[in-house]
């Protein structure tokens, strides 16, 4: 097992342990507050994983960063990494041709695109950030990106409510 994968498993398990009460609360809230009985608490979407293998990505049916908490399960099981390129649908244009390079690493919960402006960036710039990550990633870069993710999310959230 590589250092990155070991870090993903240990980090993912630690985060799941710490955040499990939050995840349980969100699950309960969504289940009890759903206007449509049986709608479920999770949203499913097919994305391309390592080597282009498709898998079903699970997120909560809510807005904001808390919706992504179920992605930690994908990190622990090896479908995703804590840090990596943005997960895309297998049919997305960036999963073909030159963009196929992005499939040589696991998609990530966060990445350079998230700490660099996320949705405010044009798609082409996000794609370039992902490809640069694929070509130059190392554990130190992952640690830096992880350290900058929460402040970046907080800044965006504060700007939205200002």
C-alpha atoms as a PDB file:
ATOM      1  CA  UNK A   1       0.000   0.000   0.000  1.00  0.00           C
ATOM      2  CA  UNK A   2       1.393   3.408  -0.939  1.00  0.00           C
ATOM      3  CA  UNK A   3       1.848   6.262   1.524  1.00  0.00           C
ATOM      4  CA  UNK A   4      -0.990   8.175  -0.193  1.00  0.00           C
ATOM      5  CA  UNK A   5      -3.393   5.236   0.084  1.00  0.00           C
ATOM      6  CA  UNK A   6      -2.408   4.607   3.713  1.00  0.00           C
ATOM      7  CA  UNK A   7      -3.005   8.292   4.468  1.00  0.00           C
ATOM      8  CA  UNK A   8      -6.387   8.134   2.691  1.00  0.00           C
ATOM      9  CA  UNK A   9      -7.521   5.084   4.681  1.00  0.00           C
ATOM     10  CA  UNK A  10      -6.324   6.369   8.059  1.00  0.00           C
ATOM     11  CA  UNK A  11      -7.554   9.922   7.399  1.00  0.00           C
ATOM     12  CA  UNK A  12     -10.884   8.700   6.042  1.00  0.00           C
ATOM     13  CA  UNK A  13     -11.461   6.422   9.037  1.00  0.00           C
ATOM     14  CA  UNK A  14     -10.541   9.192  11.472  1.00  0.00           C
ATOM     15  CA  UNK A  15     -12.889  11.658   9.748  1.00  0.00           C
ATOM     16  CA  UNK A  16     -15.709   9.088   9.619  1.00  0.00           C
ATOM     17  CA  UNK A  17     -15.264   8.432  13.347  1.00  0.00           C
ATOM     18  CA  UNK A  18     -15.309  12.121  14.264  1.00  0.00           C
ATOM     19  CA  UNK A  19     -18.099  13.060  11.850  1.00  0.00           C
ATOM     20  CA  UNK A  20     -20.377  10.038  12.334  1.00  0.00           C
ATOM     21  CA  UNK A  21     -22.664  11.895  14.795  1.00  0.00           C
ATOM     22  CA  UNK A  22     -23.046  14.714  12.234  1.00  0.00           C
ATOM     23  CA  UNK A  23     -23.769  12.182   9.482  1.00  0.00           C
ATOM     24  CA  UNK A  24     -26.337  10.435  11.697  1.00  0.00           C
ATOM     25  CA  UNK A  25     -28.010  13.778  12.441  1.00  0.00           C
ATOM     26  CA  UNK A  26     -28.164  14.698   8.750  1.00  0.00           C
ATOM     27  CA  UNK A  27     -29.575  11.272   7.891  1.00  0.00           C
ATOM     28  CA  UNK A  28     -32.259  11.565  10.566  1.00  0.00           C
ATOM     29  CA  UNK A  29     -33.103  15.132   9.589  1.00  0.00           C
ATOM     30  CA  UNK A  30     -33.433  14.256   5.909  1.00  0.00           C
ATOM     31  CA  UNK A  31     -35.455  11.126   6.614  1.00  0.00           C
ATOM     32  CA  UNK A  32     -37.902  12.910   8.928  1.00  0.00           C
ATOM     33  CA  UNK A  33     -38.098  16.140   6.939  1.00  0.00           C
ATOM     34  CA  UNK A  34     -38.597  14.685   3.481  1.00  0.00           C
ATOM     35  CA  UNK A  35     -41.849  15.811   1.846  1.00  0.00           C
ATOM     36  CA  UNK A  36     -41.732  12.678  -0.312  1.00  0.00           C
ATOM     37  CA  UNK A  37     -41.891   9.481   1.750  1.00  0.00           C
ATOM     38  CA  UNK A  38     -39.316   6.946   0.625  1.00  0.00           C
ATOM     39  CA  UNK A  39     -37.272   9.540  -1.312  1.00  0.00           C
ATOM     40  CA  UNK A  40     -34.132   8.460   0.507  1.00  0.00           C
ATOM     41  CA  UNK A  41     -31.424  10.541   2.074  1.00  0.00           C
ATOM     42  CA  UNK A  42     -28.731   9.880  -0.516  1.00  0.00           C
ATOM     43  CA  UNK A  43     -28.269  11.142  -4.055  1.00  0.00           C
ATOM     44  CA  UNK A  44     -26.600   8.751  -6.497  1.00  0.00           C
ATOM     45  CA  UNK A  45     -24.536   9.652  -9.532  1.00  0.00           C
ATOM     46  CA  UNK A  46     -22.251   7.558 -11.723  1.00  0.00           C
ATOM     47  CA  UNK A  47     -18.684   8.836 -12.016  1.00  0.00           C
ATOM     48  CA  UNK A  48     -15.432   7.581 -13.520  1.00  0.00           C
ATOM     49  CA  UNK A  49     -12.946   6.259 -10.991  1.00  0.00           C
ATOM     50  CA  UNK A  50      -9.367   5.052 -11.234  1.00  0.00           C
ATOM     51  CA  UNK A  51      -8.679   3.723 -14.721  1.00  0.00           C
ATOM     52  CA  UNK A  52     -12.080   4.973 -15.888  1.00  0.00           C
ATOM     53  CA  UNK A  53     -13.987   2.304 -13.943  1.00  0.00           C
ATOM     54  CA  UNK A  54     -17.454   3.694 -13.161  1.00  0.00           C
ATOM     55  CA  UNK A  55     -18.866   3.670  -9.645  1.00  0.00           C
ATOM     56  CA  UNK A  56     -21.913   5.138  -7.934  1.00  0.00           C
ATOM     57  CA  UNK A  57     -21.040   8.284  -5.996  1.00  0.00           C
ATOM     58  CA  UNK A  58     -23.181   8.887  -2.904  1.00  0.00           C
ATOM     59  CA  UNK A  59     -23.931  12.306  -1.416  1.00  0.00           C
ATOM     60  CA  UNK A  60     -26.591  13.577   0.966  1.00  0.00           C
ATOM     61  CA  UNK A  61     -29.673  15.208  -0.567  1.00  0.00           C
ATOM     62  CA  UNK A  62     -28.804  18.603   0.917  1.00  0.00           C
ATOM     63  CA  UNK A  63     -26.875  21.721  -0.149  1.00  0.00           C
ATOM     64  CA  UNK A  64     -23.396  22.735   0.901  1.00  0.00           C
ATOM     65  CA  UNK A  65     -20.234  20.932   2.004  1.00  0.00           C
ATOM     66  CA  UNK A  66     -22.076  18.591   4.392  1.00  0.00           C
ATOM     67  CA  UNK A  67     -23.645  16.875   1.380  1.00  0.00           C
ATOM     68  CA  UNK A  68     -20.203  15.450   0.593  1.00  0.00           C
ATOM     69  CA  UNK A  69     -19.693  13.613   3.892  1.00  0.00           C
ATOM     70  CA  UNK A  70     -20.743  10.183   2.473  1.00  0.00           C
ATOM     71  CA  UNK A  71     -17.804  10.498   0.061  1.00  0.00           C
ATOM     72  CA  UNK A  72     -15.591   9.500   2.992  1.00  0.00           C
ATOM     73  CA  UNK A  73     -16.977   5.976   2.580  1.00  0.00           C
ATOM     74  CA  UNK A  74     -15.623   5.968  -0.986  1.00  0.00           C
ATOM     75  CA  UNK A  75     -12.213   7.117   0.299  1.00  0.00           C
ATOM     76  CA  UNK A  76     -12.004   4.271   2.807  1.00  0.00           C
ATOM     77  CA  UNK A  77     -13.127   1.656   0.255  1.00  0.00           C
ATOM     78  CA  UNK A  78     -10.564   2.851  -2.316  1.00  0.00           C
ATOM     79  CA  UNK A  79     -12.837   4.352  -4.962  1.00  0.00           C
ATOM     80  CA  UNK A  80     -11.749   7.892  -4.096  1.00  0.00           C
ATOM     81  CA  UNK A  81      -8.890   9.726  -2.425  1.00  0.00           C
ATOM     82  CA  UNK A  82      -8.978  12.585   0.058  1.00  0.00           C
ATOM     83  CA  UNK A  83      -7.237  14.717  -2.595  1.00  0.00           C
ATOM     84  CA  UNK A  84      -7.479  14.273  -6.358  1.00  0.00           C
ATOM     85  CA  UNK A  85      -9.198  15.446  -9.526  1.00  0.00           C
ATOM     86  CA  UNK A  86     -12.877  16.341  -9.442  1.00  0.00           C
ATOM     87  CA  UNK A  87     -15.042  13.226 -10.040  1.00  0.00           C
ATOM     88  CA  UNK A  88     -16.724  13.347 -13.460  1.00  0.00           C
ATOM     89  CA  UNK A  89     -19.336  11.302 -15.280  1.00  0.00           C
ATOM     90  CA  UNK A  90     -17.731   8.593 -17.478  1.00  0.00           C
ATOM     91  CA  UNK A  91     -19.233  10.297 -20.542  1.00  0.00           C
ATOM     92  CA  UNK A  92     -17.772  13.729 -19.711  1.00  0.00           C
ATOM     93  CA  UNK A  93     -15.507  15.133 -22.425  1.00  0.00           C
ATOM     94  CA  UNK A  94     -12.620  15.386 -19.937  1.00  0.00           C
ATOM     95  CA  UNK A  95     -12.624  11.574 -19.560  1.00  0.00           C
ATOM     96  CA  UNK A  96     -11.554  11.142 -23.193  1.00  0.00           C
ATOM     97  CA  UNK A  97      -8.495  12.093 -25.220  1.00  0.00           C
ATOM     98  CA  UNK A  98      -5.936  14.232 -23.356  1.00  0.00           C
ATOM     99  CA  UNK A  99      -8.228  14.443 -20.329  1.00  0.00           C
ATOM    100  CA  UNK A 100      -8.021  10.667 -19.911  1.00  0.00           C
ATOM    101  CA  UNK A 101      -4.807  11.304 -17.904  1.00  0.00           C
ATOM    102  CA  UNK A 102      -7.005  12.353 -15.000  1.00  0.00           C
ATOM    103  CA  UNK A 103      -8.195   8.737 -14.737  1.00  0.00           C
ATOM    104  CA  UNK A 104      -4.670   7.579 -13.777  1.00  0.00           C
ATOM    105  CA  UNK A 105      -5.387   8.669 -10.176  1.00  0.00           C
ATOM    106  CA  UNK A 106      -8.421   8.326  -7.936  1.00  0.00           C
ATOM    107  CA  UNK A 107     -10.890  11.241  -7.939  1.00  0.00           C
ATOM    108  CA  UNK A 108     -10.771  13.289  -4.763  1.00  0.00           C
ATOM    109  CA  UNK A 109     -12.986  14.820  -2.116  1.00  0.00           C
ATOM    110  CA  UNK A 110     -10.992  17.999  -2.583  1.00  0.00           C
ATOM    111  CA  UNK A 111      -8.320  19.197  -4.938  1.00  0.00           C
ATOM    112  CA  UNK A 112      -6.598  22.227  -6.382  1.00  0.00           C
ATOM    113  CA  UNK A 113      -9.859  23.291  -8.041  1.00  0.00           C
ATOM    114  CA  UNK A 114     -11.597  23.548  -4.676  1.00  0.00           C
ATOM    115  CA  UNK A 115      -8.996  25.736  -2.984  1.00  0.00           C
ATOM    116  CA  UNK A 116      -8.586  27.906  -6.090  1.00  0.00           C
ATOM    117  CA  UNK A 117     -12.116  29.196  -6.496  1.00  0.00           C
ATOM    118  CA  UNK A 118     -14.182  26.083  -7.285  1.00  0.00           C
ATOM    119  CA  UNK A 119     -17.359  27.131  -9.093  1.00  0.00           C
ATOM    120  CA  UNK A 120     -16.076  30.633  -9.810  1.00  0.00           C
ATOM    121  CA  UNK A 121     -13.366  29.220 -12.094  1.00  0.00           C
ATOM    122  CA  UNK A 122     -14.085  28.568 -15.759  1.00  0.00           C
ATOM    123  CA  UNK A 123     -14.301  24.856 -16.575  1.00  0.00           C
ATOM    124  CA  UNK A 124     -11.106  24.950 -18.664  1.00  0.00           C
ATOM    125  CA  UNK A 125      -9.111  26.311 -15.714  1.00  0.00           C
ATOM    126  CA  UNK A 126     -10.489  23.643 -13.378  1.00  0.00           C
ATOM    127  CA  UNK A 127      -9.509  20.971 -15.910  1.00  0.00           C
ATOM    128  CA  UNK A 128      -5.968  22.388 -16.143  1.00  0.00           C
ATOM    129  CA  UNK A 129      -5.640  22.399 -12.345  1.00  0.00           C
ATOM    130  CA  UNK A 130      -6.740  18.757 -12.235  1.00  0.00           C
ATOM    131  CA  UNK A 131      -4.264  17.724 -14.939  1.00  0.00           C
ATOM    132  CA  UNK A 132      -1.450  19.624 -13.232  1.00  0.00           C
ATOM    133  CA  UNK A 133      -2.291  17.767 -10.018  1.00  0.00           C
ATOM    134  CA  UNK A 134      -2.231  14.416 -11.848  1.00  0.00           C
ATOM    135  CA  UNK A 135       1.210  15.180 -13.288  1.00  0.00           C
ATOM    136  CA  UNK A 136       2.814  16.569 -10.112  1.00  0.00           C
ATOM    137  CA  UNK A 137       1.024  15.226  -7.036  1.00  0.00           C
ATOM    138  CA  UNK A 138       2.855  14.002  -3.965  1.00  0.00           C
ATOM    139  CA  UNK A 139       1.881  13.533  -0.330  1.00  0.00           C
ATOM    140  CA  UNK A 140       3.175  16.974   0.719  1.00  0.00           C
ATOM    141  CA  UNK A 141       0.967  18.619  -1.912  1.00  0.00           C
ATOM    142  CA  UNK A 142      -2.014  16.623  -0.643  1.00  0.00           C
ATOM    143  CA  UNK A 143      -1.378  17.800   2.921  1.00  0.00           C
ATOM    144  CA  UNK A 144      -1.181  21.426   1.748  1.00  0.00           C
ATOM    145  CA  UNK A 145      -4.430  21.115  -0.224  1.00  0.00           C
ATOM    146  CA  UNK A 146      -6.188  19.490   2.749  1.00  0.00           C
ATOM    147  CA  UNK A 147      -4.978  22.244   5.076  1.00  0.00           C
ATOM    148  CA  UNK A 148      -6.295  24.921   2.696  1.00  0.00           C
ATOM    149  CA  UNK A 149      -9.671  23.265   1.975  1.00  0.00           C
ATOM    150  CA  UNK A 150     -11.624  24.166   5.129  1.00  0.00           C
ATOM    151  CA  UNK A 151     -10.543  27.846   5.069  1.00  0.00           C
ATOM    152  CA  UNK A 152     -11.503  28.015   1.365  1.00  0.00           C
ATOM    153  CA  UNK A 153     -14.961  26.565   2.092  1.00  0.00           C
ATOM    154  CA  UNK A 154     -15.437  29.002   4.979  1.00  0.00           C
ATOM    155  CA  UNK A 155     -14.417  31.984   2.803  1.00  0.00           C
ATOM    156  CA  UNK A 156     -16.925  31.034   0.092  1.00  0.00           C
ATOM    157  CA  UNK A 157     -19.654  30.510   2.641  1.00  0.00           C
ATOM    158  CA  UNK A 158     -18.943  33.858   4.336  1.00  0.00           C
ATOM    159  CA  UNK A 159     -18.910  35.638   0.957  1.00  0.00           C
ATOM    160  CA  UNK A 160     -22.290  34.099   0.097  1.00  0.00           C
ATOM    161  CA  UNK A 161     -23.886  35.479   3.255  1.00  0.00           C
ATOM    162  CA  UNK A 162     -22.185  38.893   3.149  1.00  0.00           C
END
